[in-house]
Structure formats: structure tokens, C-alpha cells
Amino acid sequence: MTVHDVARRLPSIADLRNLCRSLAMLDAILSPDWEDRYHSFNAGWADGEEMASMRNGSGDEYSIVFSAAGACVRGFDHEAPMSPYGNDGEPWPGVIDEVPEAFRPFVAEPAFTDENDVPVVTVCLWREAADDRWRHGAIDFPTGCPDPDGAAGLFALLVDRSPEAFQRFAEDYYEVHPDLEAVRDVYALRPLSRELVSSLNPEVTLADLAEDIAEIGYPQPLRGAA
């Protein structure tokens, strides 16, 4: 899988945003310690911008910025052949060269560059608000590599959007077996209840999640749910 495959399989901007909020909410429930979480979502990341992010603790990450202009996705696999650190400190040709002007500030964002202002990126794609599909640059991929830009590992849960896929992920990453019906409820963005939270993590309460719910922009619990 490369960015080409991801672009064909990603949902609409709105559906991707909802999925990212669901993933962040599930991780907040399963991992009360923010530092140990895999997925996060900040509905107030910047003025008029929201950001979904992933970090696997081993140096791989992605960031998705949602704004009125659309959405832009940056991914980095530290072992990918297309890493800038294996290309004389420069992003692989074509990865960010064609990013539209509306998203250029995202490419140069200090949070997504290193101390030498090198964009930390192996894969990038974008979709403007009026566009009908996800786009990417024209890239000559290195030969003999099944996952040259790291897209397969980085975006697995964004292209396989089934609750079952998240359950398998949680079993591997968090070493827990989350209730599948509860995962389905969060994927559907249903407001949290005490029972729903407890079925995923009995050690977490709705009160514990209040700040996370607000930061993620997840629907507030129904009155009296606590």
C-alpha cells in the first residue's frame, strides 16, 4: 500500500473527521494517561483548525488538520525508504511539492518539522473543501519496497473503518479486549453513558473524561448519564 491506495480508500472529509474523533475517544477511555495514547484529537488546535493525530511510541506518526479549506494529511514512518533522513535531509521528491497553497502553512508548521526545519514526512495527501477526492503528488516510488512511504502501517485504521479493526488494534496495542458493541457505539458518535464507559474500562468514569470529551469535540453525555 502507498499513498495512492490510501487516497482511494479514505472517506469524505466529514466522515474522516468523525472517525478520528471516535478513535481519540476510544483511546481516552482505554488509556487515561495521555502520554500513552495512540490517537488524539484537538478540536481547538488553532483558530478555525482541528487536528487529529497518531503516534505509536516508536517514532511513527500522522497529523490531519481540518479547516474551512478542507483537510491535509501528513504521515511519517521513521523506517520508510522515503524518509527525508535517507534522502540527504530532504522530503522525497513529489511528496509535498504539489500541496495546494491553502495547505502550505501546514507543511511548514513547526510542530511537523525538525530542528533544521525539515518537514518530517514520508506521505502526504489532501482534499480541498470543494474537491471530490483525495489528492497527492506525483511520486516515483523506490522499487522493491512493499510499503515505501509507510502508508500501510500509518493509516490502517483509517482505511479499514470497521469496529472489528479497532478491536484487533486494541488487543495488540493496549492488550485488552474491548466490548465490540461499545466500540460500535463510539464509532457512531453516540453520547457516552456510565455503562458504555465501564464496558470499555471499568476504572474510568464519565467525570474522568470530561476534559477529553471537550477537547475532542465528542458529543456531550446525555443529562443524568453520569
Protein backbone atom coordinates (compact mmCIF):
# COMPACT_ATOMS: atom_id res chain seq x y z
CA MET A 1 0.00 0.00 0.00
CA THR A 2 1.13 3.54 -0.82
CA VAL A 3 -0.44 6.98 -0.67
CA HIS A 4 -2.19 6.07 -3.93
CA ASP A 5 -4.15 3.32 -2.21
CA VAL A 6 -4.92 5.45 0.84
CA ALA A 7 -6.28 8.25 -1.35
CA ARG A 8 -8.70 5.81 -2.99
CA ARG A 9 -9.89 4.37 0.31
CA LEU A 10 -10.21 7.35 2.63
CA PRO A 11 -13.78 8.53 3.26
CA SER A 12 -15.08 12.07 2.85
CA ILE A 13 -13.60 14.84 4.97
CA ALA A 14 -16.62 14.83 7.30
CA ASP A 15 -16.57 11.07 7.74
CA LEU A 16 -12.80 11.07 8.32
CA ARG A 17 -13.17 13.75 10.98
CA ASN A 18 -15.87 11.73 12.74
CA LEU A 19 -13.74 8.59 12.61
CA CYS A 20 -10.75 10.44 14.07
CA ARG A 21 -12.88 11.76 16.93
CA SER A 22 -14.14 8.26 17.64
CA LEU A 23 -10.62 6.81 17.68
CA ALA A 24 -9.46 9.54 20.04
CA MET A 25 -12.41 8.99 22.38
CA LEU A 26 -11.83 5.25 22.50
CA ASP A 27 -8.17 5.78 23.29
CA ALA A 28 -9.04 8.29 26.02
CA ILE A 29 -11.22 5.66 27.66
CA LEU A 30 -8.73 2.83 27.29
CA SER A 31 -5.69 4.94 28.24
CA PRO A 32 -6.33 7.60 30.92
CA ASP A 33 -2.67 8.68 30.65
CA TRP A 34 -2.49 10.93 27.58
CA GLU A 35 1.19 10.17 27.04
CA ASP A 36 0.38 6.51 26.37
CA ARG A 37 -2.38 7.13 23.85
CA TYR A 38 -2.13 6.20 20.19
CA HIS A 39 -4.83 8.52 18.80
CA SER A 40 -5.69 12.08 19.83
CA PHE A 41 -7.98 14.84 18.55
CA ASN A 42 -7.87 18.53 19.39
CA ALA A 43 -10.98 20.42 18.30
CA GLY A 44 -9.31 23.73 19.24
CA TRP A 45 -5.83 23.14 17.87
CA ALA A 46 -5.68 26.58 16.21
CA ASP A 47 -8.08 29.31 15.16
CA GLY A 48 -10.52 27.62 12.79
CA GLU A 49 -8.49 24.40 12.73
CA GLU A 50 -8.83 20.98 14.31
CA MET A 51 -6.14 18.32 14.39
CA ALA A 52 -6.26 14.55 14.59
CA SER A 53 -3.02 12.81 15.39
CA MET A 54 -1.46 9.40 15.87
CA ARG A 55 1.84 8.41 17.43
CA ASN A 56 2.84 4.81 18.02
CA GLY A 57 5.61 5.43 20.54
CA SER A 58 8.26 4.10 18.15
CA GLY A 59 8.75 7.19 16.02
CA ASP A 60 5.87 6.84 13.58
CA GLU A 61 3.07 9.39 13.49
CA TYR A 62 0.47 11.21 11.47
CA SER A 63 -1.33 14.54 11.75
CA ILE A 64 -4.53 15.57 9.98
CA VAL A 65 -5.54 19.22 10.00
CA PHE A 66 -9.20 20.00 9.32
CA SER A 67 -10.13 23.57 8.38
CA ALA A 68 -12.52 25.54 6.21
CA ALA A 69 -10.08 24.91 3.34
CA GLY A 70 -10.51 21.13 3.65
CA ALA A 71 -8.13 18.61 5.15
CA CYS A 72 -4.43 17.82 4.81
CA VAL A 73 -2.79 14.60 5.97
CA ARG A 74 0.88 14.23 6.92
CA GLY A 75 2.38 10.87 7.84
CA PHE A 76 5.86 9.86 8.90
CA ASP A 77 7.28 6.35 9.12
CA HIS A 78 10.79 6.58 10.55
CA GLU A 79 11.86 3.34 8.84
CA ALA A 80 10.31 4.06 5.45
CA PRO A 81 12.70 4.19 2.48
CA MET A 82 11.17 7.57 1.64
CA SER A 83 12.19 9.20 4.92
CA PRO A 84 13.92 12.55 4.43
CA TYR A 85 16.70 11.24 6.67
CA GLY A 86 17.60 8.73 4.00
CA ASN A 87 17.34 11.34 1.26
CA ASP A 88 20.01 13.89 2.23
CA GLY A 89 17.67 15.58 4.70
CA GLU A 90 15.05 16.43 2.08
CA PRO A 91 11.47 15.17 1.67
CA TRP A 92 11.19 12.54 -1.03
CA PRO A 93 10.54 14.19 -4.43
CA GLY A 94 6.84 14.67 -5.11
CA VAL A 95 5.59 14.04 -1.58
CA ILE A 96 4.87 17.69 -0.75
CA ASP A 97 5.81 19.51 -3.96
CA GLU A 98 2.22 19.82 -5.19
CA VAL A 99 0.48 20.64 -1.91
CA PRO A 100 -2.02 23.46 -2.67
CA GLU A 101 -1.34 26.94 -1.38
CA ALA A 102 -4.18 26.64 1.13
CA PHE A 103 -2.24 23.87 2.89
CA ARG A 104 1.32 25.16 2.53
CA PRO A 105 1.38 26.58 6.09
CA PHE A 106 0.60 23.08 7.32
CA VAL A 107 3.65 21.67 5.53
CA ALA A 108 5.91 24.25 7.16
CA GLU A 109 4.23 24.10 10.59
CA PRO A 110 6.95 23.92 13.27
CA ALA A 111 5.12 21.07 15.00
CA PHE A 112 5.65 18.98 11.86
CA THR A 113 9.27 19.90 11.08
CA ASP A 114 12.51 19.06 12.85
CA GLU A 115 15.08 21.36 14.42
CA ASN A 116 16.53 22.03 10.95
CA ASP A 117 13.11 22.98 9.53
CA VAL A 118 12.97 19.73 7.54
CA PRO A 119 9.36 18.55 7.08
CA VAL A 120 9.03 15.28 8.98
CA VAL A 121 7.03 13.47 6.29
CA THR A 122 7.05 10.34 4.18
CA VAL A 123 3.46 10.56 2.93
CA CYS A 124 1.11 13.47 2.31
CA LEU A 125 -2.35 13.82 0.82
CA TRP A 126 -5.02 16.47 0.84
CA ARG A 127 -8.58 17.27 -0.13
CA GLU A 128 -9.91 20.78 -0.59
CA ALA A 129 -13.42 21.52 0.64
CA ALA A 130 -14.99 21.52 -2.82
CA ASP A 131 -12.95 18.57 -4.12
CA ASP A 132 -14.49 15.21 -4.92
CA ARG A 133 -11.50 13.06 -3.99
CA TRP A 134 -8.24 12.92 -2.07
CA ARG A 135 -5.13 14.02 -3.94
CA HIS A 136 -1.38 13.51 -3.66
CA GLY A 137 1.77 14.40 -5.53
CA ALA A 138 3.31 12.61 -8.49
CA ILE A 139 5.84 10.29 -6.89
CA ASP A 140 8.44 7.93 -8.29
CA PHE A 141 8.46 5.31 -5.54
CA PRO A 142 11.61 3.36 -4.72
CA THR A 143 11.49 -0.11 -6.21
CA GLY A 144 11.38 -3.38 -4.32
CA CYS A 145 9.60 -1.94 -1.27
CA PRO A 146 6.10 -3.18 -0.34
CA ASP A 147 5.44 -0.10 1.85
CA PRO A 148 7.84 2.60 0.62
CA ASP A 149 6.16 5.56 2.30
CA GLY A 150 4.82 3.78 5.38
CA ALA A 151 1.20 4.34 4.38
CA ALA A 152 0.11 0.76 5.10
CA GLY A 153 1.06 0.88 8.75
CA LEU A 154 0.25 4.51 9.41
CA PHE A 155 -3.29 4.60 8.10
CA ALA A 156 -4.55 1.06 8.69
CA LEU A 157 -7.47 2.16 10.89
CA LEU A 158 -8.42 4.97 8.52
CA VAL A 159 -8.84 2.70 5.52
CA ASP A 160 -10.34 -0.26 7.43
CA ARG A 161 -13.03 1.62 9.32
CA SER A 162 -14.70 -1.38 10.92
CA PRO A 163 -15.14 -1.60 14.71
CA GLU A 164 -13.59 -5.05 14.44
CA ALA A 165 -10.38 -3.49 13.15
CA PHE A 166 -10.21 -1.26 16.21
CA GLN A 167 -10.87 -4.21 18.49
CA ARG A 168 -7.92 -6.07 16.95
CA PHE A 169 -5.75 -2.96 17.30
CA ALA A 170 -6.65 -2.54 20.98
CA GLU A 171 -5.88 -6.19 21.67
CA ASP A 172 -2.42 -5.72 20.22
CA TYR A 173 -1.57 -2.22 21.45
CA TYR A 174 -3.37 -1.97 24.79
CA GLU A 175 -3.57 -5.72 25.47
CA VAL A 176 -7.28 -5.50 26.25
CA HIS A 177 -10.36 -6.93 24.54
CA PRO A 178 -12.82 -4.03 24.22
CA ASP A 179 -16.52 -4.80 24.01
CA LEU A 180 -17.39 -4.72 20.32
CA GLU A 181 -20.85 -3.22 20.80
CA ALA A 182 -19.33 -0.42 22.86
CA VAL A 183 -16.79 0.23 20.12
CA ARG A 184 -19.63 0.38 17.60
CA ASP A 185 -21.42 2.94 19.76
CA VAL A 186 -18.37 5.19 19.90
CA TYR A 187 -17.80 4.78 16.17
CA ALA A 188 -21.38 6.02 15.75
CA LEU A 189 -20.55 9.03 17.98
CA ARG A 190 -23.28 8.11 20.44
CA PRO A 191 -23.06 10.18 23.67
CA LEU A 192 -21.23 8.32 26.40
CA SER A 193 -23.02 6.74 29.32
CA ARG A 194 -21.68 5.31 32.56
CA GLU A 195 -22.44 1.81 31.31
CA LEU A 196 -20.74 2.35 27.95
CA VAL A 197 -17.56 3.69 29.52
CA SER A 198 -17.49 0.94 32.13
CA SER A 199 -17.85 -1.75 29.48
CA LEU A 200 -14.66 -0.45 27.87
CA ASN A 201 -12.70 0.40 31.02
CA PRO A 202 -14.27 -0.11 34.46
CA GLU A 203 -11.56 2.03 36.04
CA VAL A 204 -12.64 5.19 34.18
CA THR A 205 -15.69 7.34 34.90
CA LEU A 206 -17.56 9.93 32.86
CA ALA A 207 -16.21 12.60 35.19
CA ASP A 208 -12.67 11.46 34.41
CA LEU A 209 -13.37 12.00 30.71
CA ALA A 210 -14.91 15.47 30.89
CA GLU A 211 -11.82 17.32 29.65
CA ASP A 212 -11.15 14.75 26.93
CA ILE A 213 -14.74 14.95 25.68
CA ALA A 214 -14.44 18.74 25.41
CA GLU A 215 -11.02 18.66 23.73
CA ILE A 216 -12.08 16.03 21.22
CA GLY A 217 -15.39 17.72 20.47
CA TYR A 218 -17.17 14.43 21.12
CA PRO A 219 -20.93 14.69 21.79
CA GLN A 220 -21.58 15.52 25.42
CA PRO A 221 -23.13 12.81 27.66
CA LEU A 222 -26.89 12.90 28.00
CA ARG A 223 -28.16 14.77 31.03
CA GLY A 224 -28.15 12.45 34.00
CA ALA A 225 -25.80 9.95 32.33
CA ALA A 226 -23.12 10.37 34.99
